Every structure is written in structure tokens, then in C-alpha cells.
């Protein structure tokens, strides 16, 4: 027997999100070495333009990445990743207060700071394997 949940909605920012159907998550890489977009979105105006376009295209969630996970990418320090992520979270939250923000990080301390600054979801690409504290918080 396959388990099928009865409720397909989650509460995020006081809004119910129906997950019975796929939701669009837009990707915003704010890294200078992104393999996807080549680091085009590192300044305030380009970040806002990109978010505006993603929302226009149907994104309900924006996933912000501050450290490249491409093969061969240099590991950035936590302070460098934080310096990229936190201002972007604050900027986007100010201009798009109803938007759901996801943060792509595997660092537990940074994830906690991101949530305090307005992020709603943590997207840990390591599933808690790189920083064991991520799953405990």
C-alpha cells in the first residue's frame, strides 16, 4: 500500500501553498562563478530585475544561492557566503514581502541567520551531510 497524505498544503509565511500540483521555484545565483548564469546577478539592480522576471514567469518561491556547487568550484568561506546571502535576502524581502524565499546553503549557522533575516526554506544540497547541525535545528 502506498501512503498518500490527505493534506497537500503547507503553511509558509501565513499562506497555504498547495503542493498537490507542482510549484515553480526560480533560481537566483548570486555567485560570481555560477555555472548556470555566469555570475550575472551580484548587484542590487540585477538581483531585483531577475526576481521580478522570475515572478513574472510564474515563480512562487525564489531559491537564493551564495556559493557555487558546480564541480571544481572553489569552496567559499562561511563569512563570504553570508556576505552574499544576507543582503540579498533583506533586499528581496523589502521589495517582494510576500515572496517565499529559499536559501541554498549547507551551513547550519548561516541557515539560522538566513531564517532570522526572512528566508522561509533551507535548501541543503547535502541533506545534512556536510554540517550535521543542519538537521538538529
N, C-alpha and C. Protein backbone atom coordinates (compact mmCIF):
# COMPACT_ATOMS: atom_id res chain seq x y z
N UNK A 1 0.84 -1.17 0.00
CA UNK A 1 0.00 0.00 0.00
C UNK A 1 0.89 1.25 0.00
N UNK A 2 0.56 2.19 -0.83
CA UNK A 2 1.30 3.45 -0.93
C UNK A 2 0.63 4.49 -0.05
N UNK A 3 1.45 5.15 0.79
CA UNK A 3 0.93 6.21 1.65
C UNK A 3 0.64 7.44 0.82
N UNK A 4 -0.55 7.97 0.94
CA UNK A 4 -0.91 9.20 0.25
C UNK A 4 -1.44 10.19 1.29
N UNK A 5 -0.72 11.28 1.51
CA UNK A 5 -1.19 12.25 2.50
C UNK A 5 -2.50 12.88 2.06
N UNK A 6 -3.32 13.22 3.05
CA UNK A 6 -4.62 13.82 2.74
C UNK A 6 -4.53 15.31 2.52
N UNK A 7 -3.54 15.94 3.15
CA UNK A 7 -3.42 17.38 3.04
C UNK A 7 -2.21 17.69 2.16
N UNK A 8 -2.44 18.36 1.07
CA UNK A 8 -1.38 18.68 0.12
C UNK A 8 -0.88 20.11 0.28
N UNK A 9 -1.24 20.75 1.37
CA UNK A 9 -0.87 22.14 1.57
C UNK A 9 0.09 22.28 2.74
N UNK A 10 0.99 23.27 2.62
CA UNK A 10 1.86 23.63 3.73
C UNK A 10 1.65 25.11 4.02
N UNK A 11 1.88 25.49 5.27
CA UNK A 11 1.74 26.88 5.66
C UNK A 11 3.12 27.52 5.62
N UNK A 12 3.25 28.56 4.84
CA UNK A 12 4.52 29.27 4.73
C UNK A 12 4.22 30.77 4.69
N UNK A 13 4.76 31.49 5.65
CA UNK A 13 4.53 32.94 5.77
C UNK A 13 3.05 33.25 5.95
N UNK A 14 2.33 32.35 6.60
CA UNK A 14 0.92 32.57 6.84
C UNK A 14 0.03 32.28 5.64
N UNK A 15 0.62 31.75 4.58
CA UNK A 15 -0.14 31.40 3.37
C UNK A 15 -0.09 29.90 3.16
N UNK A 16 -1.20 29.34 2.72
CA UNK A 16 -1.20 27.93 2.37
C UNK A 16 -0.71 27.76 0.95
N UNK A 17 0.25 26.86 0.79
CA UNK A 17 0.77 26.55 -0.54
C UNK A 17 0.29 25.16 -0.89
N UNK A 18 -0.46 25.04 -1.96
CA UNK A 18 -0.98 23.76 -2.40
C UNK A 18 0.11 23.00 -3.15
N UNK A 19 0.54 21.88 -2.60
CA UNK A 19 1.58 21.08 -3.22
C UNK A 19 1.01 19.88 -3.98
N UNK A 20 -0.30 19.88 -4.15
CA UNK A 20 -0.91 18.81 -4.95
C UNK A 20 -0.46 18.94 -6.40
N UNK A 21 -0.15 20.16 -6.78
CA UNK A 21 0.35 20.43 -8.13
C UNK A 21 1.73 21.08 -8.01
N UNK A 22 2.58 20.89 -8.98
CA UNK A 22 3.93 21.47 -8.90
C UNK A 22 3.90 22.99 -8.74
N UNK A 23 4.85 23.50 -7.99
CA UNK A 23 5.03 24.94 -7.81
C UNK A 23 6.35 25.33 -8.48
N UNK A 24 6.41 26.52 -9.02
CA UNK A 24 7.62 26.98 -9.70
C UNK A 24 8.55 27.64 -8.69
N UNK A 25 9.81 27.16 -8.68
CA UNK A 25 10.84 27.77 -7.86
C UNK A 25 11.86 28.38 -8.81
N UNK A 26 12.05 29.67 -8.71
CA UNK A 26 13.05 30.36 -9.53
C UNK A 26 14.40 30.32 -8.83
N UNK A 27 15.45 30.19 -9.61
CA UNK A 27 16.80 30.11 -9.07
C UNK A 27 17.51 31.44 -9.25
N UNK A 28 18.09 31.93 -8.15
CA UNK A 28 18.86 33.17 -8.18
C UNK A 28 20.24 32.88 -7.63
N UNK A 29 21.21 32.74 -8.51
CA UNK A 29 22.59 32.51 -8.11
C UNK A 29 23.28 33.86 -7.97
N UNK A 30 23.73 34.16 -6.77
CA UNK A 30 24.40 35.44 -6.53
C UNK A 30 25.90 35.21 -6.32
N UNK A 31 26.41 34.30 -7.10
CA UNK A 31 27.84 33.95 -7.04
C UNK A 31 28.53 34.41 -8.31
N UNK A 32 29.73 34.90 -8.20
CA UNK A 32 30.44 35.35 -9.40
C UNK A 32 30.88 34.20 -10.31
N UNK A 33 30.86 32.97 -9.78
CA UNK A 33 31.32 31.82 -10.57
C UNK A 33 30.22 30.80 -10.85
N UNK A 34 28.97 31.25 -10.92
CA UNK A 34 27.87 30.34 -11.18
C UNK A 34 28.01 29.68 -12.54
N UNK A 35 27.83 28.36 -12.58
CA UNK A 35 27.91 27.65 -13.86
C UNK A 35 26.67 27.90 -14.70
N UNK A 36 25.56 28.27 -14.06
CA UNK A 36 24.30 28.44 -14.78
C UNK A 36 24.20 29.78 -15.49
N UNK A 37 24.51 30.84 -14.77
CA UNK A 37 24.30 32.17 -15.36
C UNK A 37 25.55 33.03 -15.41
N UNK A 38 26.69 32.46 -15.04
CA UNK A 38 27.95 33.20 -15.16
C UNK A 38 28.11 34.37 -14.24
N UNK A 39 27.37 34.41 -13.14
CA UNK A 39 27.53 35.48 -12.17
C UNK A 39 26.91 36.80 -12.58
N UNK A 40 25.80 36.76 -13.30
CA UNK A 40 25.15 37.99 -13.77
C UNK A 40 24.40 38.74 -12.68
N UNK A 41 24.09 38.07 -11.58
CA UNK A 41 23.18 38.65 -10.59
C UNK A 41 23.87 38.86 -9.25
N UNK A 42 24.78 39.81 -9.22
CA UNK A 42 25.52 40.08 -7.99
C UNK A 42 25.31 41.51 -7.47
N UNK A 43 24.66 42.35 -8.23
CA UNK A 43 24.39 43.73 -7.83
C UNK A 43 22.89 43.89 -7.53
N UNK A 44 22.56 44.86 -6.67
CA UNK A 44 21.17 45.04 -6.26
C UNK A 44 20.20 45.16 -7.43
N UNK A 45 20.54 45.99 -8.40
CA UNK A 45 19.60 46.20 -9.51
C UNK A 45 19.41 44.94 -10.35
N UNK A 46 20.47 44.18 -10.57
CA UNK A 46 20.31 42.95 -11.36
C UNK A 46 19.59 41.87 -10.57
N UNK A 47 19.79 41.85 -9.25
CA UNK A 47 19.06 40.90 -8.41
C UNK A 47 17.57 41.18 -8.48
N UNK A 48 17.19 42.44 -8.32
CA UNK A 48 15.77 42.81 -8.36
C UNK A 48 15.16 42.56 -9.73
N UNK A 49 15.90 42.85 -10.78
CA UNK A 49 15.41 42.59 -12.14
C UNK A 49 15.17 41.10 -12.34
N UNK A 50 16.11 40.27 -11.87
CA UNK A 50 15.99 38.83 -12.02
C UNK A 50 14.79 38.29 -11.24
N UNK A 51 14.62 38.74 -10.00
CA UNK A 51 13.49 38.29 -9.20
C UNK A 51 12.18 38.70 -9.85
N UNK A 52 12.12 39.93 -10.32
CA UNK A 52 10.92 40.43 -10.99
C UNK A 52 10.58 39.54 -12.20
N UNK A 53 11.59 39.18 -12.98
CA UNK A 53 11.37 38.32 -14.15
C UNK A 53 10.92 36.91 -13.73
N UNK A 54 11.53 36.36 -12.69
CA UNK A 54 11.15 35.03 -12.22
C UNK A 54 9.70 35.02 -11.74
N UNK A 55 9.28 36.07 -11.03
CA UNK A 55 7.90 36.16 -10.57
C UNK A 55 6.96 36.30 -11.76
N UNK A 56 7.33 37.14 -12.72
CA UNK A 56 6.52 37.29 -13.94
C UNK A 56 6.37 35.96 -14.66
N UNK A 57 7.42 35.15 -14.63
CA UNK A 57 7.41 33.84 -15.29
C UNK A 57 6.67 32.78 -14.48
N UNK A 58 6.19 33.13 -13.28
CA UNK A 58 5.37 32.21 -12.50
C UNK A 58 5.99 31.65 -11.24
N UNK A 59 7.17 32.10 -10.88
CA UNK A 59 7.81 31.58 -9.66
C UNK A 59 7.06 32.04 -8.42
N UNK A 60 6.80 31.12 -7.53
CA UNK A 60 6.19 31.41 -6.24
C UNK A 60 7.24 31.37 -5.13
N UNK A 61 8.37 30.74 -5.44
CA UNK A 61 9.46 30.58 -4.48
C UNK A 61 10.75 30.99 -5.21
N UNK A 62 11.62 31.72 -4.53
CA UNK A 62 12.92 32.06 -5.09
C UNK A 62 13.98 31.38 -4.23
N UNK A 63 14.84 30.58 -4.87
CA UNK A 63 15.93 29.88 -4.19
C UNK A 63 17.21 30.66 -4.45
N UNK A 64 17.80 31.18 -3.36
CA UNK A 64 18.98 32.03 -3.47
C UNK A 64 20.22 31.23 -3.10
N UNK A 65 21.20 31.21 -4.00
CA UNK A 65 22.45 30.51 -3.74
C UNK A 65 23.61 31.48 -3.66
N UNK A 66 24.41 31.37 -2.59
CA UNK A 66 25.54 32.27 -2.40
C UNK A 66 26.89 31.60 -2.51
N UNK A 67 26.88 30.30 -2.84
CA UNK A 67 28.14 29.56 -3.02
C UNK A 67 27.92 28.56 -4.14
N UNK A 68 28.80 28.55 -5.10
CA UNK A 68 28.65 27.65 -6.24
C UNK A 68 28.85 26.20 -5.82
N UNK A 69 28.01 25.33 -6.35
CA UNK A 69 28.15 23.89 -6.10
C UNK A 69 28.56 23.15 -7.38
N UNK A 70 28.98 23.91 -8.37
CA UNK A 70 29.40 23.26 -9.62
C UNK A 70 30.66 22.44 -9.38
N UNK A 71 30.87 21.39 -10.13
CA UNK A 71 32.10 20.59 -9.98
C UNK A 71 33.34 21.46 -10.19
N UNK A 72 34.28 21.36 -9.27
CA UNK A 72 35.52 22.12 -9.37
C UNK A 72 35.45 23.53 -8.80
N UNK A 73 34.30 23.95 -8.31
CA UNK A 73 34.17 25.30 -7.76
C UNK A 73 34.98 25.41 -6.47
N UNK A 74 35.56 26.56 -6.25
CA UNK A 74 36.30 26.80 -5.02
C UNK A 74 35.31 26.92 -3.86
N UNK A 75 35.66 26.35 -2.72
CA UNK A 75 34.84 26.46 -1.52
C UNK A 75 34.98 27.87 -0.96
N UNK A 76 33.85 28.55 -0.77
CA UNK A 76 33.90 29.89 -0.20
C UNK A 76 33.74 29.78 1.32
N UNK A 77 34.28 30.74 2.01
CA UNK A 77 34.16 30.75 3.47
C UNK A 77 32.71 31.04 3.85
N UNK A 78 32.38 30.70 5.07
CA UNK A 78 31.03 30.97 5.56
C UNK A 78 30.77 32.48 5.59
N UNK A 79 31.78 33.25 5.98
CA UNK A 79 31.58 34.71 6.03
C UNK A 79 31.35 35.28 4.63
N UNK A 80 32.02 34.74 3.63
CA UNK A 80 31.82 35.22 2.26
C UNK A 80 30.42 34.84 1.75
N UNK A 81 30.00 33.62 2.04
CA UNK A 81 28.65 33.20 1.65
C UNK A 81 27.60 34.05 2.35
N UNK A 82 27.82 34.31 3.63
CA UNK A 82 26.90 35.15 4.40
C UNK A 82 26.83 36.56 3.82
N UNK A 83 27.99 37.12 3.44
CA UNK A 83 28.03 38.47 2.87
C UNK A 83 27.26 38.56 1.55
N UNK A 84 27.11 37.46 0.88
CA UNK A 84 26.31 37.43 -0.35
C UNK A 84 24.83 37.22 -0.04
N UNK A 85 24.54 36.26 0.83
CA UNK A 85 23.16 35.85 1.06
C UNK A 85 22.33 36.85 1.87
N UNK A 86 22.84 37.28 2.99
CA UNK A 86 22.02 38.09 3.90
C UNK A 86 21.56 39.40 3.26
N UNK A 87 22.44 40.16 2.60
CA UNK A 87 21.94 41.38 1.93
C UNK A 87 20.91 41.07 0.84
N UNK A 88 21.07 39.97 0.14
CA UNK A 88 20.11 39.60 -0.91
C UNK A 88 18.76 39.25 -0.29
N UNK A 89 18.76 38.51 0.81
CA UNK A 89 17.52 38.18 1.50
C UNK A 89 16.81 39.45 1.95
N UNK A 90 17.55 40.36 2.56
CA UNK A 90 16.97 41.61 3.03
C UNK A 90 16.43 42.45 1.87
N UNK A 91 17.18 42.53 0.79
CA UNK A 91 16.76 43.29 -0.38
C UNK A 91 15.48 42.73 -0.99
N UNK A 92 15.46 41.44 -1.21
CA UNK A 92 14.29 40.81 -1.84
C UNK A 92 13.08 40.89 -0.92
N UNK A 93 13.29 40.65 0.38
CA UNK A 93 12.18 40.74 1.34
C UNK A 93 11.57 42.14 1.37
N UNK A 94 12.41 43.15 1.23
CA UNK A 94 11.93 44.54 1.23
C UNK A 94 11.07 44.83 0.00
N UNK A 95 11.50 44.37 -1.16
CA UNK A 95 10.80 44.69 -2.41
C UNK A 95 9.70 43.68 -2.78
N UNK A 96 9.79 42.48 -2.25
CA UNK A 96 8.82 41.43 -2.54
C UNK A 96 8.43 40.75 -1.22
N UNK A 97 7.73 41.45 -0.33
CA UNK A 97 7.49 40.93 1.03
C UNK A 97 6.66 39.66 1.09
N UNK A 98 5.87 39.37 0.09
CA UNK A 98 5.03 38.18 0.12
C UNK A 98 5.68 36.96 -0.54
N UNK A 99 6.83 37.15 -1.13
CA UNK A 99 7.51 36.07 -1.84
C UNK A 99 8.14 35.09 -0.85
N UNK A 100 8.08 33.83 -1.16
CA UNK A 100 8.70 32.80 -0.33
C UNK A 100 10.15 32.68 -0.76
N UNK A 101 11.06 32.78 0.21
CA UNK A 101 12.48 32.71 -0.08
C UNK A 101 13.08 31.42 0.45
N UNK A 102 13.81 30.75 -0.41
CA UNK A 102 14.55 29.55 -0.08
C UNK A 102 16.03 29.91 -0.15
N UNK A 103 16.82 29.37 0.76
CA UNK A 103 18.25 29.64 0.75
C UNK A 103 19.00 28.33 0.54
N UNK A 104 19.86 28.33 -0.45
CA UNK A 104 20.67 27.16 -0.79
C UNK A 104 21.97 27.24 -0.01
N UNK A 105 22.00 26.59 1.15
CA UNK A 105 23.22 26.52 1.95
C UNK A 105 23.22 25.22 2.73
N UNK A 106 24.40 24.75 3.03
CA UNK A 106 24.53 23.54 3.85
C UNK A 106 25.09 23.87 5.23
N UNK A 107 25.28 25.14 5.50
CA UNK A 107 25.87 25.58 6.77
C UNK A 107 24.77 25.92 7.77
N UNK A 108 24.77 25.22 8.92
CA UNK A 108 23.70 25.37 9.90
C UNK A 108 23.62 26.79 10.47
N UNK A 109 24.74 27.36 10.84
CA UNK A 109 24.72 28.71 11.43
C UNK A 109 24.21 29.74 10.43
N UNK A 110 24.63 29.61 9.19
CA UNK A 110 24.18 30.54 8.16
C UNK A 110 22.69 30.31 7.85
N UNK A 111 22.25 29.08 7.85
CA UNK A 111 20.84 28.78 7.63
C UNK A 111 19.98 29.46 8.70
N UNK A 112 20.43 29.39 9.94
CA UNK A 112 19.70 30.02 11.03
C UNK A 112 19.66 31.55 10.86
N UNK A 113 20.77 32.15 10.49
CA UNK A 113 20.80 33.60 10.24
C UNK A 113 19.86 33.97 9.09
N UNK A 114 19.86 33.15 8.04
CA UNK A 114 19.01 33.42 6.88
C UNK A 114 17.53 33.39 7.26
N UNK A 115 17.15 32.43 8.08
CA UNK A 115 15.76 32.36 8.54
C UNK A 115 15.41 33.61 9.35
N UNK A 116 16.31 34.02 10.22
CA UNK A 116 16.05 35.23 11.03
C UNK A 116 15.92 36.48 10.16
N UNK A 117 16.58 36.50 9.01
CA UNK A 117 16.53 37.67 8.13
C UNK A 117 15.39 37.63 7.12
N UNK A 118 14.64 36.52 7.07
CA UNK A 118 13.47 36.50 6.19
C UNK A 118 13.34 35.29 5.28
N UNK A 119 14.32 34.40 5.27
CA UNK A 119 14.18 33.19 4.45
C UNK A 119 13.13 32.28 5.08
N UNK A 120 12.49 31.47 4.26
CA UNK A 120 11.43 30.60 4.74
C UNK A 120 11.77 29.12 4.61
N UNK A 121 12.67 28.80 3.69
CA UNK A 121 13.03 27.41 3.40
C UNK A 121 14.54 27.32 3.32
N UNK A 122 15.10 26.23 3.82
CA UNK A 122 16.52 25.95 3.65
C UNK A 122 16.66 24.79 2.69
N UNK A 123 17.40 25.00 1.63
CA UNK A 123 17.66 24.01 0.60
C UNK A 123 19.10 23.53 0.78
N UNK A 124 19.28 22.48 1.55
CA UNK A 124 20.60 21.94 1.85
C UNK A 124 20.92 20.83 0.84
N UNK A 125 21.81 21.12 -0.11
CA UNK A 125 22.12 20.15 -1.16
C UNK A 125 22.81 18.90 -0.62
N UNK A 126 23.29 18.95 0.62
CA UNK A 126 23.97 17.78 1.19
C UNK A 126 23.04 16.93 2.04
N UNK A 127 21.79 17.35 2.21
CA UNK A 127 20.83 16.64 3.05
C UNK A 127 21.38 16.44 4.47
N UNK A 128 22.06 17.46 4.98
CA UNK A 128 22.58 17.41 6.33
C UNK A 128 23.89 16.66 6.50
N UNK A 129 24.52 16.29 5.40
CA UNK A 129 25.76 15.50 5.49
C UNK A 129 27.01 16.36 5.65
N UNK A 130 27.01 17.59 5.13
CA UNK A 130 28.19 18.45 5.23
C UNK A 130 28.29 19.12 6.61
N UNK A 131 27.16 19.49 7.18
CA UNK A 131 27.12 20.12 8.51
C UNK A 131 26.01 19.41 9.28
N UNK A 132 26.39 18.49 10.13
CA UNK A 132 25.42 17.66 10.86
C UNK A 132 24.46 18.47 11.73
N UNK A 133 24.85 19.71 12.07
CA UNK A 133 23.98 20.57 12.90
C UNK A 133 22.75 21.02 12.12
N UNK A 134 22.79 20.97 10.80
CA UNK A 134 21.66 21.44 10.00
C UNK A 134 20.37 20.69 10.32
N UNK A 135 20.47 19.41 10.53
CA UNK A 135 19.27 18.62 10.79
C UNK A 135 18.80 18.73 12.22
N UNK A 136 19.62 19.22 13.10
CA UNK A 136 19.28 19.30 14.52
C UNK A 136 18.58 20.60 14.89
N UNK A 137 18.57 21.56 14.00
CA UNK A 137 18.00 22.88 14.32
C UNK A 137 16.58 23.00 13.83
